[in-house]
Amino acid sequence: MKLLPALSGAEQSSWSWWREDIQPLHGLPLRPLRGAINVDVVIIGGGFTGMWTALALRQRAPHLSVALLEANRLGDGASSKNGGMVHGYWASLPGNIRAMGVDNALDIALLGSKAQNAFREFAFKPGRDIWWNEKGNLRVATCEAQERTLKTFLEQCQGLGVEKYIQPLDRKKVRELIDAPAFGSGIYFPEAGNVHPGKLIIELKKAVIEAGVQVYEHTPVSRVEDGFPHRVQCENGVVIAKDVVLATNVGLAGIPSLTNKFSIFSSYATMSNQTEEGLSNVGWSTPVGVSDARMFLHYFRRTNDNRVLMGSGSGPIGWRSEIDGLALRQDEQSVGRARRGMKHLLPSVAQAGFAKSWGWPIDVSSDRIPFFKTLKRRIHYGGGYSGHGVQATWIGGQCLASLVLNTQDEWTLSPFCNRRMPSLPPEPFKFIGASAIRWGVLSCEEAEQVARNAPFPAKALAALPSILGLRIGVR
């Protein structure tokens, strides 16, 4: 099985603000693999998923030898480019109910609660500094259409006994948290926090090394030769292993049997300059995470050093399995959309200017829930985080470890591992359709923001996923 060339996040021009911030702490790169080694398990991909999987295996089966291979440096890909917002699946409960039924939707939400507890435990270990703040997330309406969206969300949660996890707030309560003029009513999700993704990478790197994992950086993998044991061919060496874990995120697009299970989108973020005054002007003292109620939402959070990250999950779509297109990483329109979001929602913060902006491809599964499965005998994979991967990568580590260990437990029996996923259309229809729907949704949401009617073609395209019974792209 030939793997896609790794998408390099090592060049400084592609770094996020988080990655730049930890550069003085990152230390020297670990040595690359040279020659041949034999291990029980080899994990390809050294981001959050790969590192959590390695830790889970060493904790649950310390007799197993584990090697972790990363083409660049640990965490230099998607793991260092997200917003650092840590939460589970209560905020997507109604959509997940539509996709997989009440029982399955509640199951994954409760497993997310378990993951949140584990994340908190990791963060509080003495000596660790990952900027952990757990003050909840707020979804806020910023126009009349979004007020209706929040109302519908709450109606769909009634009678499920989830009041502990999902709490409506009127406009007054919202403005007590953040006194931004554009904010209306909201929904508060107490079980949520945020981290510094770069600092989390450093602490996970320390943890996997302390756990006895053999870690090799700057070790790109070109091919997995299926056999028993498997042979993983690297640039300057080979790993012979009984089990292989593919933790390559969007790199899974190179596997033909998976191409109809997810699409490649891109997400962009911008980080403000430090602005204690701007935050004070809106009374944002509690480090709650925030998003608006769009489908292509704006998500934002403050940092420990008085900045605000504003992200927009509305970047261009990837063509086929091409994950290195410049539009997925350097799209000025997407950067502009994130910055305009900051100027509209938090003008006093935006006045401080912007320190850094960046983009990166994300893997959006066909039902917006991550998946963890076995591809063929003792080759396992996971992905489909759909822009919601910080907490979910811990879940991925547990699921992939259970698949390696061949255990029937709460992870392998959960919808993360055993659900039947819908299929997306083949190319070029997937790319053309997704691009058209993206334009329609963006046009409708921009029109709604200023209380005007969107053009009919935009409305028709935005409604198409729901009409076709799809599970992504549904407003």
Protein backbone atom coordinates (compact mmCIF):
# COMPACT_ATOMS: atom_id res chain seq x y z
CA MET A 1 0.00 0.00 0.00
CA LYS A 2 1.54 3.25 -1.17
CA LEU A 3 1.03 6.26 1.08
CA LEU A 4 0.64 9.88 0.05
CA PRO A 5 3.72 12.03 0.59
CA ALA A 6 3.40 13.77 3.94
CA LEU A 7 2.12 17.33 3.84
CA SER A 8 4.97 19.30 5.33
CA GLY A 9 4.16 21.69 8.13
CA ALA A 10 7.81 22.15 8.93
CA GLU A 11 8.50 25.32 6.92
CA GLN A 12 8.23 28.41 9.07
CA SER A 13 5.95 30.08 6.53
CA SER A 14 3.28 27.47 7.29
CA TRP A 15 3.59 27.66 11.09
CA SER A 16 0.68 28.75 13.21
CA TRP A 17 1.06 31.31 15.99
CA TRP A 18 1.02 28.37 18.44
CA ARG A 19 3.97 26.74 16.67
CA GLU A 20 5.96 29.97 16.61
CA ASP A 21 5.28 30.49 20.31
CA ILE A 22 6.76 27.14 21.32
CA GLN A 23 9.77 27.26 19.00
CA PRO A 24 12.22 28.24 21.78
CA LEU A 25 10.91 25.28 23.85
CA HIS A 26 10.74 22.70 21.07
CA GLY A 27 14.31 21.51 21.49
CA LEU A 28 16.40 19.61 18.99
CA PRO A 29 14.57 17.25 16.64
CA LEU A 30 14.67 13.56 17.51
CA ARG A 31 16.83 11.41 15.28
CA PRO A 32 15.35 9.92 12.12
CA LEU A 33 15.11 6.19 11.62
CA ARG A 34 18.11 4.64 9.89
CA GLY A 35 18.32 0.92 9.25
CA ALA A 36 15.81 -1.72 10.33
CA ILE A 37 13.94 -2.20 13.58
CA ASN A 38 11.43 -4.78 14.82
CA VAL A 39 8.51 -3.73 17.04
CA ASP A 40 5.07 -5.01 17.95
CA VAL A 41 3.26 -1.85 16.78
CA VAL A 42 4.31 0.96 14.48
CA ILE A 43 2.29 4.18 14.38
CA ILE A 44 2.61 6.34 11.27
CA GLY A 45 1.90 9.98 12.07
CA GLY A 46 3.14 11.94 15.08
CA GLY A 47 0.27 14.32 15.72
CA PHE A 48 -2.23 14.19 18.58
CA THR A 49 -3.79 10.94 17.33
CA GLY A 50 -0.49 9.13 16.99
CA MET A 51 0.80 10.28 20.37
CA TRP A 52 -2.42 9.49 22.27
CA THR A 53 -2.47 6.05 20.63
CA ALA A 54 1.13 5.37 21.63
CA LEU A 55 0.39 6.40 25.22
CA ALA A 56 -2.76 4.26 25.38
CA LEU A 57 -0.90 1.21 24.12
CA ARG A 58 1.98 1.61 26.57
CA GLN A 59 -0.43 2.16 29.46
CA ARG A 60 -2.72 -0.75 28.62
CA ALA A 61 -0.17 -3.22 27.25
CA PRO A 62 3.29 -2.27 28.56
CA HIS A 63 4.76 -5.52 27.24
CA LEU A 64 4.30 -4.29 23.65
CA SER A 65 7.09 -2.41 21.88
CA VAL A 66 5.82 0.69 20.05
CA ALA A 67 7.48 2.89 17.44
CA LEU A 68 6.14 6.28 16.32
CA LEU A 69 7.19 7.67 12.92
CA GLU A 70 6.71 11.33 11.97
CA ALA A 71 7.66 12.78 8.58
CA ASN A 72 8.44 16.22 10.03
CA ARG A 73 8.44 17.05 13.74
CA LEU A 74 5.83 15.82 16.18
CA GLY A 75 2.70 17.93 15.94
CA ASP A 76 3.82 20.08 13.01
CA GLY A 77 0.71 19.24 10.98
CA ALA A 78 -2.92 19.77 11.95
CA SER A 79 -2.22 19.34 15.66
CA SER A 80 -0.44 22.70 15.87
CA LYS A 81 -2.92 24.57 13.67
CA ASN A 82 -6.29 24.19 15.42
CA GLY A 83 -8.05 26.58 17.76
CA GLY A 84 -7.22 24.62 20.90
CA MET A 85 -10.87 24.30 21.95
CA VAL A 86 -11.46 21.05 23.87
CA HIS A 87 -15.02 19.73 23.99
CA GLY A 88 -17.05 16.69 23.07
CA TYR A 89 -20.31 16.04 21.25
CA TRP A 90 -23.02 17.73 23.31
CA ALA A 91 -22.82 20.75 20.99
CA SER A 92 -23.68 18.55 17.98
CA LEU A 93 -26.30 16.37 19.69
CA PRO A 94 -29.36 17.13 17.46
CA GLY A 95 -27.39 16.61 14.26
CA ASN A 96 -25.95 13.36 15.55
CA ILE A 97 -29.43 12.18 16.51
CA ARG A 98 -30.56 12.76 12.94
CA ALA A 99 -27.52 10.91 11.62
CA MET A 100 -27.44 7.87 13.91
CA GLY A 101 -30.37 7.87 16.32
CA VAL A 102 -30.80 8.96 19.93
CA ASP A 103 -28.98 6.07 21.62
CA ASN A 104 -25.87 6.31 19.47
CA ALA A 105 -25.77 10.11 19.69
CA LEU A 106 -25.98 9.98 23.49
CA ASP A 107 -23.37 7.20 23.54
CA ILE A 108 -20.74 9.25 21.75
CA ALA A 109 -21.58 12.34 23.80
CA LEU A 110 -21.03 10.41 27.05
CA LEU A 111 -17.78 8.97 25.71
CA GLY A 112 -16.79 12.57 24.98
CA SER A 113 -17.44 13.34 28.65
CA LYS A 114 -15.08 10.51 29.59
CA ALA A 115 -12.47 11.96 27.23
CA GLN A 116 -12.89 15.39 28.82
CA ASN A 117 -12.16 13.91 32.23
CA ALA A 118 -9.03 12.21 30.88
CA PHE A 119 -7.88 15.44 29.25
CA ARG A 120 -8.31 17.28 32.52
CA GLU A 121 -6.34 14.60 34.38
CA PHE A 122 -3.49 14.86 31.85
CA ALA A 123 -3.46 18.66 32.11
CA PHE A 124 -3.32 18.69 35.91
CA LYS A 125 -0.34 16.37 36.28
CA PRO A 126 2.29 18.34 38.26
CA GLY A 127 4.76 20.22 36.11
CA ARG A 128 2.59 20.37 32.99
CA ASP A 129 1.70 23.72 31.46
CA ILE A 130 -0.66 23.56 28.50
CA TRP A 131 -2.66 26.72 29.30
CA TRP A 132 -5.58 24.54 30.38
CA ASN A 133 -8.75 26.54 31.09
CA GLU A 134 -12.08 24.78 31.53
CA LYS A 135 -14.81 27.40 31.68
CA GLY A 136 -17.19 26.03 29.05
CA ASN A 137 -18.17 27.02 25.53
CA LEU A 138 -20.81 29.50 24.41
CA ARG A 139 -22.72 29.29 21.15
CA VAL A 140 -24.17 32.70 20.44
CA ALA A 141 -26.64 34.11 17.94
CA THR A 142 -25.46 37.18 16.04
CA CYS A 143 -28.55 37.74 13.84
CA GLU A 144 -32.22 36.77 13.71
CA ALA A 145 -31.63 33.67 11.57
CA GLN A 146 -29.15 32.38 14.14
CA GLU A 147 -31.65 33.04 16.93
CA ARG A 148 -33.98 30.61 15.13
CA THR A 149 -31.15 28.11 14.80
CA LEU A 150 -30.52 28.13 18.55
CA LYS A 151 -34.24 27.83 19.30
CA THR A 152 -34.53 24.77 17.06
CA PHE A 153 -31.43 23.22 18.66
CA LEU A 154 -32.90 23.56 22.15
CA GLU A 155 -36.28 22.18 21.05
CA GLN A 156 -34.59 19.08 19.67
CA CYS A 157 -32.82 18.47 22.99
CA GLN A 158 -35.97 18.64 25.11
CA GLY A 159 -36.88 15.47 26.98
CA LEU A 160 -33.43 13.90 26.67
CA GLY A 161 -32.28 14.68 30.21
CA VAL A 162 -29.22 16.63 29.08
CA GLU A 163 -29.78 19.85 31.01
CA LYS A 164 -26.46 19.33 32.81
CA TYR A 165 -24.61 19.61 29.50
CA ILE A 166 -26.75 22.04 27.47
CA GLN A 167 -28.00 25.27 29.06
CA PRO A 168 -29.90 28.13 27.35
CA LEU A 169 -28.84 31.69 28.11
CA ASP A 170 -30.81 34.83 27.38
CA ARG A 171 -29.09 37.88 25.94
CA LYS A 172 -28.50 39.40 29.37
CA LYS A 173 -26.68 36.29 30.61
CA VAL A 174 -24.60 36.13 27.43
CA ARG A 175 -23.57 39.76 27.80
CA GLU A 176 -22.48 39.06 31.38
CA LEU A 177 -19.87 36.69 29.91
CA ILE A 178 -18.92 38.85 26.92
CA ASP A 179 -20.52 42.24 26.41
CA ALA A 180 -20.22 42.35 22.63
CA PRO A 181 -22.88 44.43 20.84
CA ALA A 182 -23.46 41.79 18.15
CA PHE A 183 -24.32 39.03 20.63
CA GLY A 184 -27.89 37.91 21.21
CA SER A 185 -29.04 34.83 23.11
CA GLY A 186 -26.86 31.77 23.49
CA ILE A 187 -26.40 28.18 24.59
CA TYR A 188 -23.81 27.36 27.22
CA PHE A 189 -21.97 24.01 27.20
CA PRO A 190 -20.23 23.69 30.61
CA GLU A 191 -18.15 20.66 29.64
CA ALA A 192 -15.55 22.42 27.52
CA GLY A 193 -12.17 24.07 27.83
CA ASN A 194 -9.24 25.32 25.82
CA VAL A 195 -5.51 24.69 25.61
CA HIS A 196 -2.37 25.95 23.92
CA PRO A 197 -1.99 23.28 21.18
CA GLY A 198 1.75 23.87 20.88
CA LYS A 199 2.34 23.37 24.60
CA LEU A 200 0.13 20.26 24.48
CA ILE A 201 2.39 18.87 21.73
CA ILE A 202 5.45 19.39 23.92
CA GLU A 203 3.87 17.67 26.93
CA LEU A 204 2.64 14.74 24.84
CA LYS A 205 6.08 14.38 23.30
CA LYS A 206 7.62 14.20 26.77
CA ALA A 207 4.99 11.69 27.87
CA VAL A 208 5.46 9.27 24.95
CA ILE A 209 9.24 9.32 25.38
CA GLU A 210 8.91 8.71 29.14
CA ALA A 211 6.50 5.84 28.35
CA GLY A 212 9.22 4.06 26.38
CA VAL A 213 7.92 4.70 22.87
CA GLN A 214 10.59 4.69 20.16
CA VAL A 215 10.06 8.05 18.45
CA TYR A 216 11.59 8.99 15.09
CA GLU A 217 11.15 12.45 13.56
CA HIS A 218 11.96 13.43 9.97
CA THR A 219 11.09 9.88 8.94
CA PRO A 220 8.64 9.96 6.03
CA VAL A 221 6.96 6.67 5.13
CA SER A 222 6.55 5.72 1.46
CA ARG A 223 4.91 2.30 1.58
CA VAL A 224 3.33 -0.31 3.84
CA GLU A 225 3.98 -3.82 2.56
CA ASP A 226 1.12 -5.99 3.75
CA GLY A 227 2.20 -9.28 5.26
CA PHE A 228 2.72 -10.99 8.56
CA PRO A 229 4.57 -9.17 9.91
CA HIS A 230 4.15 -5.95 7.92
CA ARG A 231 7.07 -3.98 6.48
CA VAL A 232 6.91 -0.20 6.65
CA GLN A 233 9.32 1.36 4.19
CA CYS A 234 10.80 4.71 5.25
CA GLU A 235 13.18 7.06 3.53
CA ASN A 236 16.28 5.57 5.16
CA GLY A 237 15.03 2.50 6.96
CA VAL A 238 12.34 -0.10 7.49
CA VAL A 239 10.11 -1.07 10.40
CA ILE A 240 8.91 -4.65 10.76
CA ALA A 241 5.78 -4.82 12.92
CA LYS A 242 2.80 -7.05 13.68
CA ASP A 243 0.37 -4.11 13.76
CA VAL A 244 0.35 -0.83 11.83
CA VAL A 245 -1.65 2.25 12.82
CA LEU A 246 -2.26 4.94 10.20
CA ALA A 247 -2.65 8.23 12.11
CA THR A 248 -2.05 10.45 9.09
CA ASN A 249 -5.15 12.67 9.16
CA VAL A 250 -5.84 13.95 5.62
CA GLY A 251 -3.15 11.57 4.37
CA LEU A 252 -5.82 8.85 4.46
CA ALA A 253 -7.15 10.40 1.24
CA GLY A 254 -4.57 8.36 -0.62
CA ILE A 255 -6.29 5.06 0.26
CA PRO A 256 -8.82 4.32 -2.54
CA SER A 257 -11.31 2.46 -0.33
CA LEU A 258 -11.65 5.51 1.97
CA THR A 259 -12.08 8.31 -0.54
CA ASN A 260 -15.89 8.15 -0.43
CA LYS A 261 -15.96 8.34 3.37
CA PHE A 262 -14.65 11.87 3.77
CA SER A 263 -13.90 15.13 2.00
CA ILE A 264 -10.96 17.47 2.32
CA PHE A 265 -11.96 20.97 3.42
CA SER A 266 -9.74 23.68 4.87
CA SER A 267 -9.97 25.83 7.95
CA TYR A 268 -8.35 29.22 8.54
CA ALA A 269 -7.54 31.10 11.71
CA THR A 270 -6.07 34.45 12.70
CA MET A 271 -4.50 35.48 16.00
CA SER A 272 -4.77 39.03 17.29
CA ASN A 273 -2.02 41.04 18.86
CA GLN A 274 -2.06 41.32 22.63
CA THR A 275 -4.91 43.57 23.75
CA GLU A 276 -5.79 43.63 27.40
CA GLU A 277 -7.72 46.84 26.75
CA GLY A 278 -9.75 45.31 23.90
CA LEU A 279 -10.76 42.36 26.09
CA SER A 280 -11.60 44.68 28.97
CA ASN A 281 -13.86 46.75 26.71
CA VAL A 282 -16.13 43.72 26.18
CA GLY A 283 -15.73 42.40 29.72
CA TRP A 284 -14.23 39.13 28.53
CA SER A 285 -12.45 37.98 31.68
CA THR A 286 -13.66 34.36 31.86
CA PRO A 287 -11.82 32.24 29.25
CA VAL A 288 -14.96 30.71 27.80
CA GLY A 289 -14.74 29.51 24.20
CA VAL A 290 -17.25 30.93 21.73
CA SER A 291 -18.77 30.20 18.34
CA ASP A 292 -21.59 31.75 16.42
CA ALA A 293 -24.54 29.74 15.09
CA ARG A 294 -23.57 29.54 11.43
CA MET A 295 -22.90 26.23 9.73
CA PHE A 296 -19.58 27.66 8.52
CA LEU A 297 -19.11 29.05 11.97
CA HIS A 298 -16.76 31.57 13.46
CA TYR A 299 -15.05 30.04 16.49
CA PHE A 300 -12.96 32.09 18.89
CA ARG A 301 -11.25 32.00 22.26
CA ARG A 302 -8.96 34.18 24.31
CA THR A 303 -5.46 33.19 25.34
CA ASN A 304 -3.56 33.44 28.61
CA ASP A 305 -1.54 36.37 27.23
CA ASN A 306 -4.57 38.48 26.22
CA ARG A 307 -4.99 37.62 22.56
CA VAL A 308 -7.99 36.29 20.67
CA LEU A 309 -7.93 33.56 18.06
CA MET A 310 -10.70 33.78 15.48
CA GLY A 311 -11.22 30.86 13.12
CA SER A 312 -13.50 30.19 10.17
CA GLY A 313 -14.19 26.65 8.96
CA SER A 314 -15.12 27.84 5.50
CA GLY A 315 -11.96 27.44 3.44
CA PRO A 316 -11.69 25.92 -0.04
CA ILE A 317 -12.32 22.25 -0.73
CA GLY A 318 -9.66 19.75 -1.77
CA TRP A 319 -9.71 18.07 -5.18
CA ARG A 320 -9.58 14.26 -5.08
CA SER A 321 -6.71 13.14 -2.85
CA GLU A 322 -4.57 16.22 -3.43
CA ILE A 323 -3.83 17.53 0.04
CA ASP A 324 -0.99 19.91 -0.78
CA GLY A 325 -2.88 22.48 -2.85
CA LEU A 326 -1.95 26.04 -1.90
CA ALA A 327 -5.62 27.04 -1.58
CA LEU A 328 -5.89 24.70 1.42
CA ARG A 329 -3.14 26.65 3.21
CA GLN A 330 -2.80 30.09 1.59
CA ASP A 331 -6.22 31.41 0.62
CA GLU A 332 -6.47 35.16 1.15
CA GLN A 333 -10.27 35.16 0.95
CA SER A 334 -10.46 32.70 3.84
CA VAL A 335 -7.97 34.70 5.89
CA GLY A 336 -10.03 37.80 5.15
CA ARG A 337 -13.21 36.05 6.28
CA ALA A 338 -11.67 35.21 9.67
CA ARG A 339 -10.42 38.77 10.10
CA ARG A 340 -13.77 40.27 9.10
CA GLY A 341 -15.38 38.00 11.67
CA MET A 342 -13.14 39.46 14.33
CA LYS A 343 -13.87 43.02 13.21
CA HIS A 344 -17.62 42.42 13.24
CA LEU A 345 -17.94 40.41 16.44
CA LEU A 346 -15.10 41.90 18.53
CA PRO A 347 -14.17 45.26 17.01
CA SER A 348 -12.25 46.44 20.09
CA VAL A 349 -10.00 43.36 19.81
CA ALA A 350 -9.54 43.70 16.06
CA GLN A 351 -8.29 47.26 16.51
CA ALA A 352 -5.11 45.79 18.02
CA GLY A 353 -4.23 44.20 14.68
CA PHE A 354 -3.26 40.65 13.78
CA ALA A 355 -0.11 38.77 14.72
CA LYS A 356 -0.46 35.72 12.47
CA SER A 357 -2.92 33.95 10.15
CA TRP A 358 -2.76 30.39 8.82
CA GLY A 359 -4.77 27.66 7.09
CA TRP A 360 -4.61 23.89 6.87
CA PRO A 361 -6.61 21.02 5.33
CA ILE A 362 -9.08 19.13 7.52
CA ASP A 363 -10.73 15.75 6.99
CA VAL A 364 -14.53 15.94 7.15
CA SER A 365 -16.19 12.53 7.45
CA SER A 366 -19.37 11.71 5.56
CA ASP A 367 -21.42 12.11 8.78
CA ARG A 368 -19.10 14.56 10.60
CA ILE A 369 -18.10 11.98 13.26
CA PRO A 370 -14.57 10.51 13.45
CA PHE A 371 -14.09 6.88 12.46
CA PHE A 372 -11.59 4.27 13.65
CA LYS A 373 -11.46 0.93 11.89
CA THR A 374 -9.28 -1.90 10.62
CA LEU A 375 -8.40 -1.58 6.95
CA LYS A 376 -7.07 -5.11 6.52
CA ARG A 377 -5.42 -7.67 8.72
CA ARG A 378 -3.74 -5.77 11.56
CA ILE A 379 -3.60 -2.45 9.73
CA HIS A 380 -5.75 0.12 11.53
CA TYR A 381 -6.62 3.72 10.79
CA GLY A 382 -8.55 6.69 12.10
CA GLY A 383 -9.61 10.15 11.02
CA GLY A 384 -12.58 12.22 9.93
CA TYR A 385 -12.29 14.71 12.79
CA SER A 386 -14.29 17.29 10.84
CA GLY A 387 -12.60 20.30 12.40
CA HIS A 388 -13.30 19.07 15.91
CA GLY A 389 -10.23 17.08 16.78
CA VAL A 390 -8.51 18.16 19.98
CA GLN A 391 -10.58 16.11 22.40
CA ALA A 392 -11.54 13.55 19.76
CA THR A 393 -7.91 12.58 19.21
CA TRP A 394 -7.85 11.21 22.77
CA ILE A 395 -10.89 9.13 21.84
CA GLY A 396 -9.01 8.09 18.70
CA GLY A 397 -6.09 6.91 20.79
CA GLN A 398 -8.36 4.69 22.88
CA CYS A 399 -10.20 3.30 19.86
CA LEU A 400 -7.04 2.54 17.91
CA ALA A 401 -5.36 0.95 20.93
CA SER A 402 -8.40 -1.31 21.41
CA LEU A 403 -8.31 -2.28 17.73
CA VAL A 404 -4.62 -3.18 18.01
CA LEU A 405 -5.29 -5.19 21.18
CA ASN A 406 -8.37 -6.81 19.58
CA THR A 407 -10.52 -6.07 22.63
CA GLN A 408 -14.30 -5.81 22.67
CA ASP A 409 -14.81 -2.81 24.91
CA GLU A 410 -16.69 0.48 25.14
CA TRP A 411 -14.51 1.91 22.37
CA THR A 412 -14.65 -0.81 19.72
CA LEU A 413 -18.37 -1.34 20.40
CA SER A 414 -19.12 2.38 20.11
CA PRO A 415 -20.32 4.20 16.98
CA PHE A 416 -16.80 5.57 16.58
CA CYS A 417 -15.70 2.10 15.49
CA ASN A 418 -18.71 0.06 14.43
CA ARG A 419 -21.21 2.37 12.73
CA ARG A 420 -22.00 2.09 9.04
CA MET A 421 -20.89 5.27 7.35
CA PRO A 422 -22.71 6.84 4.41
CA SER A 423 -20.85 7.16 1.12
CA LEU A 424 -20.15 10.40 -0.69
CA PRO A 425 -20.36 10.74 -4.48
CA PRO A 426 -17.28 9.91 -6.56
CA GLU A 427 -15.10 12.58 -8.11
CA PRO A 428 -15.55 14.90 -9.85
CA PHE A 429 -19.10 15.10 -8.48
CA LYS A 430 -17.93 15.28 -4.86
CA PHE A 431 -15.67 18.28 -5.51
CA ILE A 432 -18.08 20.10 -7.82
CA GLY A 433 -21.08 19.50 -5.57
CA ALA A 434 -19.28 20.39 -2.35
CA SER A 435 -17.84 23.58 -3.87
CA ALA A 436 -21.26 24.67 -5.13
CA ILE A 437 -22.93 23.94 -1.78
CA ARG A 438 -20.16 25.79 0.04
CA TRP A 439 -20.82 28.86 -2.11
CA GLY A 440 -24.56 28.58 -1.47
CA VAL A 441 -24.22 28.27 2.29
CA LEU A 442 -21.69 31.10 2.55
CA SER A 443 -23.91 33.36 0.44
CA CYS A 444 -26.97 32.60 2.58
CA GLU A 445 -25.14 33.12 5.85
CA GLU A 446 -23.61 36.41 4.74
CA ALA A 447 -27.04 37.61 3.63
CA GLU A 448 -28.66 36.55 6.91
CA GLN A 449 -26.02 38.44 8.86
CA VAL A 450 -27.26 41.73 7.36
CA ALA A 451 -30.96 40.75 7.28
CA ARG A 452 -31.40 40.52 3.53
CA ASN A 453 -32.53 37.76 1.20
CA ALA A 454 -29.92 35.57 -0.43
CA PRO A 455 -30.22 34.94 -4.18
CA PHE A 456 -32.40 31.99 -5.15
CA PRO A 457 -29.50 29.87 -6.56
CA ALA A 458 -27.68 30.18 -3.23
CA LYS A 459 -30.79 29.10 -1.30
CA ALA A 460 -31.32 26.16 -3.61
CA LEU A 461 -27.73 24.95 -3.31
CA ALA A 462 -27.69 25.42 0.47
CA ALA A 463 -30.83 23.29 0.75
CA LEU A 464 -29.49 20.52 -1.50
CA PRO A 465 -27.72 18.37 1.14
CA SER A 466 -30.90 18.12 3.19
CA ILE A 467 -32.98 17.27 0.13
CA LEU A 468 -30.51 14.53 -0.89
CA GLY A 469 -30.39 13.09 2.64
CA LEU A 470 -26.70 13.84 3.11
CA ARG A 471 -25.21 14.22 6.57
CA ILE A 472 -22.65 16.92 5.82
CA GLY A 473 -23.35 20.37 4.47
CA VAL A 474 -26.77 20.38 6.17
CA ARG A 475 -27.69 23.72 7.69
